[in-house]
């Protein structure tokens, strides 16, 4: 698990001397793995039932953008590190990027969606195929006509609230539009 006592995906590359938690025994080993390899595919599932997507945290890197397109996802999202602020680094991919590694995060449907394991499997094989480790796993769709989403703003809930209308990740919101109510 990535979050029993501490969020494992916010611990990499951080000073952890004063921390106590179950995840600490894992993070040192994970950092060593990232340091010893050139490529990283970080596979996640989501709590929401939204469409799956791939993060491109380095949109200025043309190789990473091409890799994102090759993984077979309809959505490519970027802007996450800028939104959180670079000082909040600590994810596996952010740590790998700080070491000049190629690193991509994919979100493969909801935890409970039966399509998630197959989407993750396809992403792994498309990743290996892109780098020539294996022959073409399948003709993976390049996301030339897909959707590219730049995250500019994030709404953090301070207490229980509800959306004004049903929303999902990546929805556009116009200036002045009501998002939700407490």
Protein backbone atom coordinates (compact mmCIF):
# COMPACT_ATOMS: atom_id res chain seq x y z
CA UNK A 1 0.00 0.00 0.00
CA UNK A 2 1.21 3.51 -0.62
CA UNK A 3 -0.58 5.17 2.30
CA UNK A 4 -0.89 3.56 5.72
CA UNK A 5 0.90 6.15 7.89
CA UNK A 6 2.48 8.44 5.29
CA UNK A 7 1.84 9.07 1.60
CA UNK A 8 4.64 7.09 -0.06
CA UNK A 9 4.18 9.13 -3.23
CA UNK A 10 5.24 12.31 -1.40
CA UNK A 11 8.35 10.98 0.39
CA UNK A 12 10.96 10.43 -2.31
CA UNK A 13 13.93 12.76 -2.26
CA UNK A 14 12.79 14.31 1.02
CA UNK A 15 14.48 14.59 4.41
CA UNK A 16 12.75 11.86 6.42
CA UNK A 17 14.87 11.85 9.58
CA UNK A 18 12.03 13.03 11.85
CA UNK A 19 9.31 10.90 10.27
CA UNK A 20 7.80 7.73 11.65
CA UNK A 21 5.70 5.44 9.50
CA UNK A 22 5.19 2.11 7.83
CA UNK A 23 6.18 3.47 4.40
CA UNK A 24 9.69 4.53 5.44
CA UNK A 25 11.11 1.02 5.02
CA UNK A 26 9.93 1.04 1.38
CA UNK A 27 11.00 4.51 0.29
CA UNK A 28 14.77 3.92 0.66
CA UNK A 29 14.57 0.85 -1.56
CA UNK A 30 12.36 2.66 -4.06
CA UNK A 31 14.85 5.53 -4.28
CA UNK A 32 17.67 3.05 -4.99
CA UNK A 33 15.63 1.44 -7.78
CA UNK A 34 14.95 4.81 -9.39
CA UNK A 35 18.63 5.80 -9.08
CA UNK A 36 19.79 2.55 -10.71
CA UNK A 37 17.51 2.73 -13.77
CA UNK A 38 17.00 5.12 -16.67
CA UNK A 39 13.26 4.74 -17.24
CA UNK A 40 10.20 4.71 -14.98
CA UNK A 41 6.57 3.88 -15.66
CA UNK A 42 4.59 4.72 -12.51
CA UNK A 43 1.22 2.92 -12.62
CA UNK A 44 -1.70 4.16 -10.54
CA UNK A 45 -5.41 3.60 -10.23
CA UNK A 46 -7.85 6.27 -9.04
CA UNK A 47 -10.59 6.56 -6.48
CA UNK A 48 -12.87 8.29 -9.00
CA UNK A 49 -14.58 6.59 -11.90
CA UNK A 50 -13.10 8.97 -14.48
CA UNK A 51 -11.32 8.19 -17.73
CA UNK A 52 -7.74 7.03 -17.49
CA UNK A 53 -4.92 9.37 -18.49
CA UNK A 54 -1.16 9.83 -18.62
CA UNK A 55 0.74 12.66 -16.91
CA UNK A 56 3.40 14.51 -18.85
CA UNK A 57 5.20 16.48 -16.16
CA UNK A 58 7.88 17.58 -18.63
CA UNK A 59 5.90 18.96 -21.61
CA UNK A 60 9.08 20.72 -22.82
CA UNK A 61 10.69 17.30 -23.37
CA UNK A 62 9.68 16.10 -26.84
CA UNK A 63 10.71 12.49 -26.11
CA UNK A 64 8.44 12.32 -23.07
CA UNK A 65 5.55 13.81 -25.05
CA UNK A 66 6.03 11.20 -27.79
CA UNK A 67 6.16 8.48 -25.14
CA UNK A 68 2.91 9.77 -23.62
CA UNK A 69 1.27 9.61 -27.03
CA UNK A 70 2.51 6.05 -27.57
CA UNK A 71 1.09 4.57 -24.38
CA UNK A 72 -2.47 4.35 -25.70
CA UNK A 73 -4.33 6.83 -23.46
CA UNK A 74 -6.95 9.27 -24.70
CA UNK A 75 -5.88 12.04 -22.33
CA UNK A 76 -2.46 13.57 -21.72
CA UNK A 77 -2.41 15.87 -18.68
CA UNK A 78 0.30 18.31 -17.70
CA UNK A 79 0.79 21.15 -15.23
CA UNK A 80 0.63 19.05 -12.06
CA UNK A 81 4.06 20.01 -10.59
CA UNK A 82 3.43 23.71 -11.30
CA UNK A 83 0.05 23.45 -9.61
CA UNK A 84 1.42 21.88 -6.45
CA UNK A 85 4.63 23.88 -6.53
CA UNK A 86 8.00 22.35 -7.21
CA UNK A 87 8.85 22.46 -3.50
CA UNK A 88 6.23 19.77 -2.83
CA UNK A 89 8.11 17.19 -4.89
CA UNK A 90 8.18 13.72 -3.53
CA UNK A 91 6.41 11.52 -6.07
CA UNK A 92 8.24 8.70 -7.78
CA UNK A 93 8.21 10.44 -11.16
CA UNK A 94 9.20 13.83 -9.78
CA UNK A 95 12.11 12.18 -7.98
CA UNK A 96 13.18 10.38 -11.17
CA UNK A 97 12.94 13.61 -13.17
CA UNK A 98 15.13 15.37 -10.60
CA UNK A 99 17.77 12.75 -11.48
CA UNK A 100 17.27 13.39 -15.23
CA UNK A 101 15.48 10.07 -15.79
CA UNK A 102 12.56 9.57 -18.16
CA UNK A 103 9.48 9.06 -15.99
CA UNK A 104 5.79 8.84 -16.79
CA UNK A 105 2.76 8.35 -14.52
CA UNK A 106 -0.37 6.65 -15.82
CA UNK A 107 -3.76 6.59 -14.10
CA UNK A 108 -5.53 3.39 -15.13
CA UNK A 109 -9.21 3.83 -14.25
CA UNK A 110 -10.78 3.37 -10.83
CA UNK A 111 -9.54 0.88 -8.23
CA UNK A 112 -12.79 -1.04 -8.75
CA UNK A 113 -12.93 -0.87 -12.56
CA UNK A 114 -12.33 -4.28 -14.12
CA UNK A 115 -10.65 -2.58 -17.11
CA UNK A 116 -7.83 -1.17 -14.93
CA UNK A 117 -5.56 -4.24 -14.88
CA UNK A 118 -5.72 -4.62 -18.68
CA UNK A 119 -5.05 -0.89 -19.19
CA UNK A 120 -1.99 -1.14 -16.90
CA UNK A 121 -0.81 -4.29 -18.72
CA UNK A 122 -1.17 -2.56 -22.10
CA UNK A 123 0.69 0.50 -20.80
CA UNK A 124 3.60 -1.68 -19.64
CA UNK A 125 3.88 -3.49 -22.95
CA UNK A 126 3.48 -0.28 -24.99
CA UNK A 127 6.21 1.32 -22.83
CA UNK A 128 8.56 -1.61 -23.45
CA UNK A 129 7.71 -1.60 -27.15
CA UNK A 130 8.32 2.16 -27.44
CA UNK A 131 11.87 1.69 -26.14
CA UNK A 132 12.52 -1.37 -28.33
CA UNK A 133 12.77 -3.80 -25.42
CA UNK A 134 10.13 -5.97 -27.10
CA UNK A 135 8.69 -6.05 -30.59
CA UNK A 136 5.45 -4.13 -31.09
CA UNK A 137 3.07 -5.48 -28.49
CA UNK A 138 0.24 -4.14 -30.56
CA UNK A 139 -0.33 -1.18 -32.76
CA UNK A 140 -0.75 1.33 -30.02
CA UNK A 141 -2.76 4.38 -30.89
CA UNK A 142 -0.81 7.61 -30.95
CA UNK A 143 -2.73 10.37 -29.26
CA UNK A 144 -2.57 12.78 -32.20
CA UNK A 145 -6.30 13.53 -32.02
CA UNK A 146 -6.53 12.93 -28.28
CA UNK A 147 -7.13 15.45 -25.60
CA UNK A 148 -4.35 17.43 -24.00
CA UNK A 149 -5.32 18.92 -20.66
CA UNK A 150 -3.35 21.68 -18.93
CA UNK A 151 -4.21 21.87 -15.24
CA UNK A 152 -4.19 25.52 -14.18
CA UNK A 153 -6.26 25.47 -11.00
CA UNK A 154 -7.12 22.89 -8.38
CA UNK A 155 -10.05 23.15 -5.99
CA UNK A 156 -9.34 21.71 -2.55
CA UNK A 157 -12.31 20.77 -0.40
CA UNK A 158 -12.07 22.13 3.14
CA UNK A 159 -15.24 20.38 4.31
CA UNK A 160 -17.98 18.20 2.85
CA UNK A 161 -19.53 19.75 -0.23
CA UNK A 162 -21.09 18.72 -3.54
CA UNK A 163 -20.61 19.70 -7.15
CA UNK A 164 -23.20 22.05 -8.64
CA UNK A 165 -23.37 19.67 -11.63
CA UNK A 166 -21.70 16.27 -12.08
CA UNK A 167 -18.02 16.70 -12.96
CA UNK A 168 -15.07 14.48 -13.77
CA UNK A 169 -11.30 14.97 -14.08
CA UNK A 170 -10.36 17.22 -16.96
CA UNK A 171 -13.68 19.06 -17.28
CA UNK A 172 -13.34 22.66 -18.42
CA UNK A 173 -14.78 25.34 -16.18
CA UNK A 174 -15.53 28.86 -17.35
CA UNK A 175 -14.65 31.93 -15.32
CA UNK A 176 -17.48 32.72 -12.88
CA UNK A 177 -19.10 29.29 -13.26
CA UNK A 178 -20.38 27.75 -10.01
CA UNK A 179 -18.34 24.66 -9.17
CA UNK A 180 -19.88 23.43 -5.93
CA UNK A 181 -21.68 24.28 -2.71
CA UNK A 182 -21.09 23.54 0.98
